[in-house]
Amino acid sequence: MQDGYHYSIAYLQTMDNPDDKIYRRGAPDTFDAAGLKRDIGRIKNGDEEIVSIPGFDHAKGDPEPDAHVFQRSEHKIVICEGLYLVHDADGWEGIASLFDMTIFISSDVDMCIDRLKIRNKCIPGYTPEEIEFRCDAVDRVNANTVMRSINHANVVVESAAALVAAPELEVGFSYGAADEEEDDDDDEPVVF
């Protein structure tokens, strides 16, 4: 869900230091966090029967308006996925409070960056060396930002991917430090 709230390349080009913003695309400040917060609020607390939200078209490399539809009469549970949904800075403040439950899937950052270096080699316009550098200079910074948010989640689950590298590890979960509230209103969609 979060990917639909990437700022478009065209919009990033209008910002201060656009080359940096485009290079760092995927960092918290390159998303429309206010738009995401608005739309999650419309789904959770609104009365609109239909709420359209953007998606992300990977073929175009840009968000696509109205790609997904929440229909109140049909959808009682909404699951949102994204790196910064429990982040508490850079315009993301307060978004986590809109969710009934948050689950943080904790992964080894080094393992994630190594996988990303392999996956990103298909991106046109970059040499393998540039991909390696960008993954460390940009994606590792983003991953560390995400990891600093771990205590804002209700539940923390260790990624099963770690078992591939270290099968002696046990996959489990723990409850985070986030406050939990009871909500007995069955008419509201449950958002997490």
C-alpha atoms as a PDB file:
ATOM      1  CA  MET A   1       0.000   0.000   0.000  1.00  0.00           C
ATOM      2  CA  GLN A   2       2.708   2.466   0.976  1.00  0.00           C
ATOM      3  CA  ASP A   3       4.381   2.315  -2.458  1.00  0.00           C
ATOM      4  CA  GLY A   4       1.420   4.064  -4.073  1.00  0.00           C
ATOM      5  CA  TYR A   5       2.341   7.113  -2.013  1.00  0.00           C
ATOM      6  CA  HIS A   6       5.788   7.558  -3.569  1.00  0.00           C
ATOM      7  CA  TYR A   7       6.057  11.072  -4.935  1.00  0.00           C
ATOM      8  CA  SER A   8       6.112  10.879  -8.718  1.00  0.00           C
ATOM      9  CA  ILE A   9       9.387  11.528 -10.515  1.00  0.00           C
ATOM     10  CA  ALA A  10       7.790  14.662 -12.012  1.00  0.00           C
ATOM     11  CA  TYR A  11       6.929  15.973  -8.540  1.00  0.00           C
ATOM     12  CA  LEU A  12      10.377  15.136  -7.142  1.00  0.00           C
ATOM     13  CA  GLN A  13      11.854  17.192  -9.987  1.00  0.00           C
ATOM     14  CA  THR A  14      10.050  20.281  -8.620  1.00  0.00           C
ATOM     15  CA  MET A  15      11.529  19.908  -5.115  1.00  0.00           C
ATOM     16  CA  ASP A  16      14.698  21.441  -3.733  1.00  0.00           C
ATOM     17  CA  ASN A  17      17.726  19.378  -4.758  1.00  0.00           C
ATOM     18  CA  PRO A  18      15.707  17.150  -7.127  1.00  0.00           C
ATOM     19  CA  ASP A  19      18.634  14.954  -8.215  1.00  0.00           C
ATOM     20  CA  ASP A  20      19.255  13.986  -4.585  1.00  0.00           C
ATOM     21  CA  LYS A  21      15.546  13.300  -3.980  1.00  0.00           C
ATOM     22  CA  ILE A  22      15.310  11.107  -7.063  1.00  0.00           C
ATOM     23  CA  TYR A  23      18.528   9.256  -6.199  1.00  0.00           C
ATOM     24  CA  ARG A  24      17.274   8.663  -2.648  1.00  0.00           C
ATOM     25  CA  ARG A  25      13.755   7.739  -3.758  1.00  0.00           C
ATOM     26  CA  GLY A  26      12.423   5.360  -1.159  1.00  0.00           C
ATOM     27  CA  ALA A  27      13.608   7.477   1.780  1.00  0.00           C
ATOM     28  CA  PRO A  28      10.829   8.683   4.118  1.00  0.00           C
ATOM     29  CA  ASP A  29      10.831  12.230   2.730  1.00  0.00           C
ATOM     30  CA  THR A  30      10.225  10.987  -0.835  1.00  0.00           C
ATOM     31  CA  PHE A  31       6.713   9.770   0.021  1.00  0.00           C
ATOM     32  CA  ASP A  32       3.416  11.605   0.377  1.00  0.00           C
ATOM     33  CA  ALA A  33       3.009  10.600   4.028  1.00  0.00           C
ATOM     34  CA  ALA A  34       0.250  13.188   4.527  1.00  0.00           C
ATOM     35  CA  GLY A  35      -1.748  11.673   1.661  1.00  0.00           C
ATOM     36  CA  LEU A  36      -1.310   8.184   3.103  1.00  0.00           C
ATOM     37  CA  LYS A  37      -2.401   9.387   6.544  1.00  0.00           C
ATOM     38  CA  ARG A  38      -5.432  11.134   5.027  1.00  0.00           C
ATOM     39  CA  ASP A  39      -6.516   8.034   3.103  1.00  0.00           C
ATOM     40  CA  ILE A  40      -6.029   5.607   6.003  1.00  0.00           C
ATOM     41  CA  GLY A  41      -8.064   8.015   8.135  1.00  0.00           C
ATOM     42  CA  ARG A  42     -10.806   8.076   5.471  1.00  0.00           C
ATOM     43  CA  ILE A  43     -10.905   4.275   5.490  1.00  0.00           C
ATOM     44  CA  LYS A  44     -10.826   3.877   9.260  1.00  0.00           C
ATOM     45  CA  ASN A  45     -12.927   6.815  10.434  1.00  0.00           C
ATOM     46  CA  GLY A  46     -14.840   8.009   7.382  1.00  0.00           C
ATOM     47  CA  ASP A  47     -18.257   7.151   6.073  1.00  0.00           C
ATOM     48  CA  GLU A  48     -17.516   7.085   2.342  1.00  0.00           C
ATOM     49  CA  GLU A  49     -18.697   3.832   0.773  1.00  0.00           C
ATOM     50  CA  ILE A  50     -15.726   3.790  -1.613  1.00  0.00           C
ATOM     51  CA  VAL A  51     -12.218   5.124  -1.056  1.00  0.00           C
ATOM     52  CA  SER A  52      -9.807   4.927  -3.987  1.00  0.00           C
ATOM     53  CA  ILE A  53      -6.104   4.790  -3.210  1.00  0.00           C
ATOM     54  CA  PRO A  54      -3.020   4.860  -5.435  1.00  0.00           C
ATOM     55  CA  GLY A  55      -0.898   1.889  -6.370  1.00  0.00           C
ATOM     56  CA  PHE A  56       2.596   1.728  -7.799  1.00  0.00           C
ATOM     57  CA  ASP A  57       3.249   0.777 -11.407  1.00  0.00           C
ATOM     58  CA  HIS A  58       6.693  -0.819 -11.424  1.00  0.00           C
ATOM     59  CA  ALA A  59       6.768  -0.849 -15.228  1.00  0.00           C
ATOM     60  CA  LYS A  60       6.454   2.948 -15.230  1.00  0.00           C
ATOM     61  CA  GLY A  61       8.354   3.468 -11.982  1.00  0.00           C
ATOM     62  CA  ASP A  62       5.678   5.824 -10.679  1.00  0.00           C
ATOM     63  CA  PRO A  63       2.496   5.793  -8.611  1.00  0.00           C
ATOM     64  CA  GLU A  64      -0.809   5.169 -10.327  1.00  0.00           C
ATOM     65  CA  PRO A  65      -3.812   7.130  -9.000  1.00  0.00           C
ATOM     66  CA  ASP A  66      -6.952   5.223  -7.976  1.00  0.00           C
ATOM     67  CA  ALA A  67      -5.365   1.808  -8.588  1.00  0.00           C
ATOM     68  CA  HIS A  68      -7.065   0.172  -5.582  1.00  0.00           C
ATOM     69  CA  VAL A  69     -10.519   0.494  -4.094  1.00  0.00           C
ATOM     70  CA  PHE A  70     -11.686   0.089  -0.504  1.00  0.00           C
ATOM     71  CA  GLN A  71     -15.417  -0.658  -0.416  1.00  0.00           C
ATOM     72  CA  ARG A  72     -16.847  -0.244   3.070  1.00  0.00           C
ATOM     73  CA  SER A  73     -19.709  -2.728   2.613  1.00  0.00           C
ATOM     74  CA  GLU A  74     -17.301  -5.474   1.478  1.00  0.00           C
ATOM     75  CA  HIS A  75     -14.015  -4.887   3.327  1.00  0.00           C
ATOM     76  CA  LYS A  76     -13.958  -5.311   7.101  1.00  0.00           C
ATOM     77  CA  ILE A  77     -10.229  -5.942   7.443  1.00  0.00           C
ATOM     78  CA  VAL A  78      -7.611  -3.772   5.765  1.00  0.00           C
ATOM     79  CA  ILE A  79      -3.969  -4.836   5.702  1.00  0.00           C
ATOM     80  CA  CYS A  80      -1.404  -2.157   4.872  1.00  0.00           C
ATOM     81  CA  GLU A  81       2.224  -2.927   4.067  1.00  0.00           C
ATOM     82  CA  GLY A  82       5.095  -0.508   4.055  1.00  0.00           C
ATOM     83  CA  LEU A  83       8.501   0.239   5.506  1.00  0.00           C
ATOM     84  CA  TYR A  84       7.588   3.447   7.311  1.00  0.00           C
ATOM     85  CA  LEU A  85       4.099   2.764   8.683  1.00  0.00           C
ATOM     86  CA  VAL A  86       5.369   2.869  12.290  1.00  0.00           C
ATOM     87  CA  HIS A  87       8.022   5.526  11.611  1.00  0.00           C
ATOM     88  CA  ASP A  88       7.576   8.601  13.809  1.00  0.00           C
ATOM     89  CA  ALA A  89       9.469  11.336  11.961  1.00  0.00           C
ATOM     90  CA  ASP A  90       9.828  12.939   8.521  1.00  0.00           C
ATOM     91  CA  GLY A  91       6.076  13.566   8.197  1.00  0.00           C
ATOM     92  CA  TRP A  92       5.066  10.033   9.237  1.00  0.00           C
ATOM     93  CA  GLU A  93       4.126  11.061  12.772  1.00  0.00           C
ATOM     94  CA  GLY A  94       0.729   9.751  13.870  1.00  0.00           C
ATOM     95  CA  ILE A  95       0.227   7.246  11.058  1.00  0.00           C
ATOM     96  CA  ALA A  96       0.861   4.228  13.305  1.00  0.00           C
ATOM     97  CA  SER A  97      -1.918   5.374  15.643  1.00  0.00           C
ATOM     98  CA  LEU A  98      -4.454   4.826  12.847  1.00  0.00           C
ATOM     99  CA  PHE A  99      -3.842   1.069  12.890  1.00  0.00           C
ATOM    100  CA  ASP A 100      -5.607  -1.341  15.235  1.00  0.00           C
ATOM    101  CA  MET A 101      -2.501  -3.517  15.201  1.00  0.00           C
ATOM    102  CA  THR A 102       0.995  -3.115  13.827  1.00  0.00           C
ATOM    103  CA  ILE A 103       3.354  -5.973  13.065  1.00  0.00           C
ATOM    104  CA  PHE A 104       7.039  -5.338  12.445  1.00  0.00           C
ATOM    105  CA  ILE A 105       8.869  -8.059  10.534  1.00  0.00           C
ATOM    106  CA  SER A 106      12.443  -7.795  11.729  1.00  0.00           C
ATOM    107  CA  SER A 107      15.113  -8.808   9.242  1.00  0.00           C
ATOM    108  CA  ASP A 108      18.875  -8.802   9.233  1.00  0.00           C
ATOM    109  CA  VAL A 109      19.808  -5.546   7.459  1.00  0.00           C
ATOM    110  CA  ASP A 110      23.023  -6.958   5.968  1.00  0.00           C
ATOM    111  CA  MET A 111      21.122  -9.913   4.478  1.00  0.00           C
ATOM    112  CA  CYS A 112      18.472  -7.581   3.053  1.00  0.00           C
ATOM    113  CA  ILE A 113      21.064  -5.290   1.473  1.00  0.00           C
ATOM    114  CA  ASP A 114      22.903  -8.270  -0.048  1.00  0.00           C
ATOM    115  CA  ARG A 115      19.636  -9.466  -1.623  1.00  0.00           C
ATOM    116  CA  LEU A 116      18.848  -5.969  -2.836  1.00  0.00           C
ATOM    117  CA  LYS A 117      22.230  -5.712  -4.544  1.00  0.00           C
ATOM    118  CA  ILE A 118      21.353  -8.826  -6.532  1.00  0.00           C
ATOM    119  CA  ARG A 119      17.773  -7.752  -7.305  1.00  0.00           C
ATOM    120  CA  ASN A 120      18.720  -4.233  -8.360  1.00  0.00           C
ATOM    121  CA  LYS A 121      21.264  -5.355 -10.961  1.00  0.00           C
ATOM    122  CA  CYS A 122      18.385  -5.416 -13.446  1.00  0.00           C
ATOM    123  CA  ILE A 123      17.773  -1.658 -13.061  1.00  0.00           C
ATOM    124  CA  PRO A 124      18.741   0.007 -16.336  1.00  0.00           C
ATOM    125  CA  GLY A 125      21.225   2.854 -16.355  1.00  0.00           C
ATOM    126  CA  TYR A 126      23.380   1.692 -13.441  1.00  0.00           C
ATOM    127  CA  THR A 127      26.615  -0.278 -13.477  1.00  0.00           C
ATOM    128  CA  PRO A 128      26.968  -3.138 -10.975  1.00  0.00           C
ATOM    129  CA  GLU A 129      29.385  -0.935  -9.014  1.00  0.00           C
ATOM    130  CA  GLU A 130      26.844   1.907  -8.887  1.00  0.00           C
ATOM    131  CA  ILE A 131      24.179  -0.529  -7.660  1.00  0.00           C
ATOM    132  CA  GLU A 132      26.509  -1.766  -4.913  1.00  0.00           C
ATOM    133  CA  PHE A 133      27.283   1.804  -3.847  1.00  0.00           C
ATOM    134  CA  ARG A 134      23.647   2.972  -3.945  1.00  0.00           C
ATOM    135  CA  CYS A 135      22.442  -0.002  -1.899  1.00  0.00           C
ATOM    136  CA  ASP A 136      24.933   0.859   0.826  1.00  0.00           C
ATOM    137  CA  ALA A 137      24.580   4.655   0.618  1.00  0.00           C
ATOM    138  CA  VAL A 138      20.798   4.865   0.264  1.00  0.00           C
ATOM    139  CA  ASP A 139      19.026   1.601   1.008  1.00  0.00           C
ATOM    140  CA  ARG A 140      21.090   0.782   4.102  1.00  0.00           C
ATOM    141  CA  VAL A 141      20.291   4.237   5.512  1.00  0.00           C
ATOM    142  CA  ASN A 142      16.589   3.611   4.857  1.00  0.00           C
ATOM    143  CA  ALA A 143      16.774   0.143   6.431  1.00  0.00           C
ATOM    144  CA  ASN A 144      18.424   1.560   9.555  1.00  0.00           C
ATOM    145  CA  THR A 145      15.686   4.217   9.724  1.00  0.00           C
ATOM    146  CA  VAL A 146      13.094   1.433   9.602  1.00  0.00           C
ATOM    147  CA  MET A 147      14.877  -0.558  12.320  1.00  0.00           C
ATOM    148  CA  ARG A 148      14.807   2.446  14.667  1.00  0.00           C
ATOM    149  CA  SER A 149      10.994   2.259  14.517  1.00  0.00           C
ATOM    150  CA  ILE A 150      10.770  -1.306  15.800  1.00  0.00           C
ATOM    151  CA  ASN A 151       9.583  -0.305  19.287  1.00  0.00           C
ATOM    152  CA  HIS A 152       6.542   1.464  17.844  1.00  0.00           C
ATOM    153  CA  ALA A 153       4.982  -1.810  16.647  1.00  0.00           C
ATOM    154  CA  ASN A 154       2.521  -3.880  18.673  1.00  0.00           C
ATOM    155  CA  VAL A 155       4.140  -7.143  17.610  1.00  0.00           C
ATOM    156  CA  VAL A 156       7.649  -7.916  16.352  1.00  0.00           C
ATOM    157  CA  VAL A 157       8.168 -11.040  14.253  1.00  0.00           C
ATOM    158  CA  GLU A 158      11.569 -12.331  13.209  1.00  0.00           C
ATOM    159  CA  SER A 159      11.771 -12.882   9.464  1.00  0.00           C
ATOM    160  CA  ALA A 160      11.726 -16.508   8.408  1.00  0.00           C
ATOM    161  CA  ALA A 161      14.305 -15.582   5.756  1.00  0.00           C
ATOM    162  CA  ALA A 162      16.905 -15.646   8.513  1.00  0.00           C
ATOM    163  CA  LEU A 163      16.318 -19.394   8.808  1.00  0.00           C
ATOM    164  CA  VAL A 164      17.790 -19.926   5.360  1.00  0.00           C
ATOM    165  CA  ALA A 165      21.084 -18.408   6.468  1.00  0.00           C
ATOM    166  CA  ALA A 166      20.975 -19.700  10.049  1.00  0.00           C
ATOM    167  CA  PRO A 167      18.572 -22.650  10.435  1.00  0.00           C
ATOM    168  CA  GLU A 168      19.398 -22.940  14.144  1.00  0.00           C
ATOM    169  CA  LEU A 169      17.421 -19.736  14.796  1.00  0.00           C
ATOM    170  CA  GLU A 170      13.857 -19.953  16.005  1.00  0.00           C
ATOM    171  CA  VAL A 171      11.206 -17.810  14.387  1.00  0.00           C
ATOM    172  CA  GLY A 172       9.068 -16.094  16.942  1.00  0.00           C
ATOM    173  CA  PHE A 173       7.383 -12.905  17.927  1.00  0.00           C
ATOM    174  CA  SER A 174       7.256 -10.518  20.819  1.00  0.00           C
ATOM    175  CA  TYR A 175       4.956  -7.723  21.796  1.00  0.00           C
ATOM    176  CA  GLY A 176       6.316  -4.260  21.132  1.00  0.00           C
ATOM    177  CA  ALA A 177       6.107  -1.163  23.264  1.00  0.00           C
ATOM    178  CA  ALA A 178       3.165   0.361  21.375  1.00  0.00           C
ATOM    179  CA  ASP A 179       0.041   1.014  23.387  1.00  0.00           C
ATOM    180  CA  GLU A 180      -2.929  -1.209  22.671  1.00  0.00           C
ATOM    181  CA  GLU A 181      -6.486   0.052  22.844  1.00  0.00           C
ATOM    182  CA  GLU A 182      -9.715  -1.921  22.983  1.00  0.00           C
ATOM    183  CA  ASP A 183     -12.270  -1.005  20.356  1.00  0.00           C
ATOM    184  CA  ASP A 184     -15.588  -2.775  20.492  1.00  0.00           C
ATOM    185  CA  ASP A 185     -17.143  -1.020  17.473  1.00  0.00           C
ATOM    186  CA  ASP A 186     -17.677  -3.869  15.006  1.00  0.00           C
ATOM    187  CA  ASP A 187     -18.894  -1.490  12.276  1.00  0.00           C
ATOM    188  CA  GLU A 188     -15.478   0.090  11.744  1.00  0.00           C
ATOM    189  CA  PRO A 189     -13.012  -1.654   9.470  1.00  0.00           C
ATOM    190  CA  VAL A 190     -10.048  -3.140  11.282  1.00  0.00           C
ATOM    191  CA  VAL A 191      -6.873  -1.619   9.892  1.00  0.00           C
ATOM    192  CA  PHE A 192      -3.404  -3.149  10.273  1.00  0.00           C
END
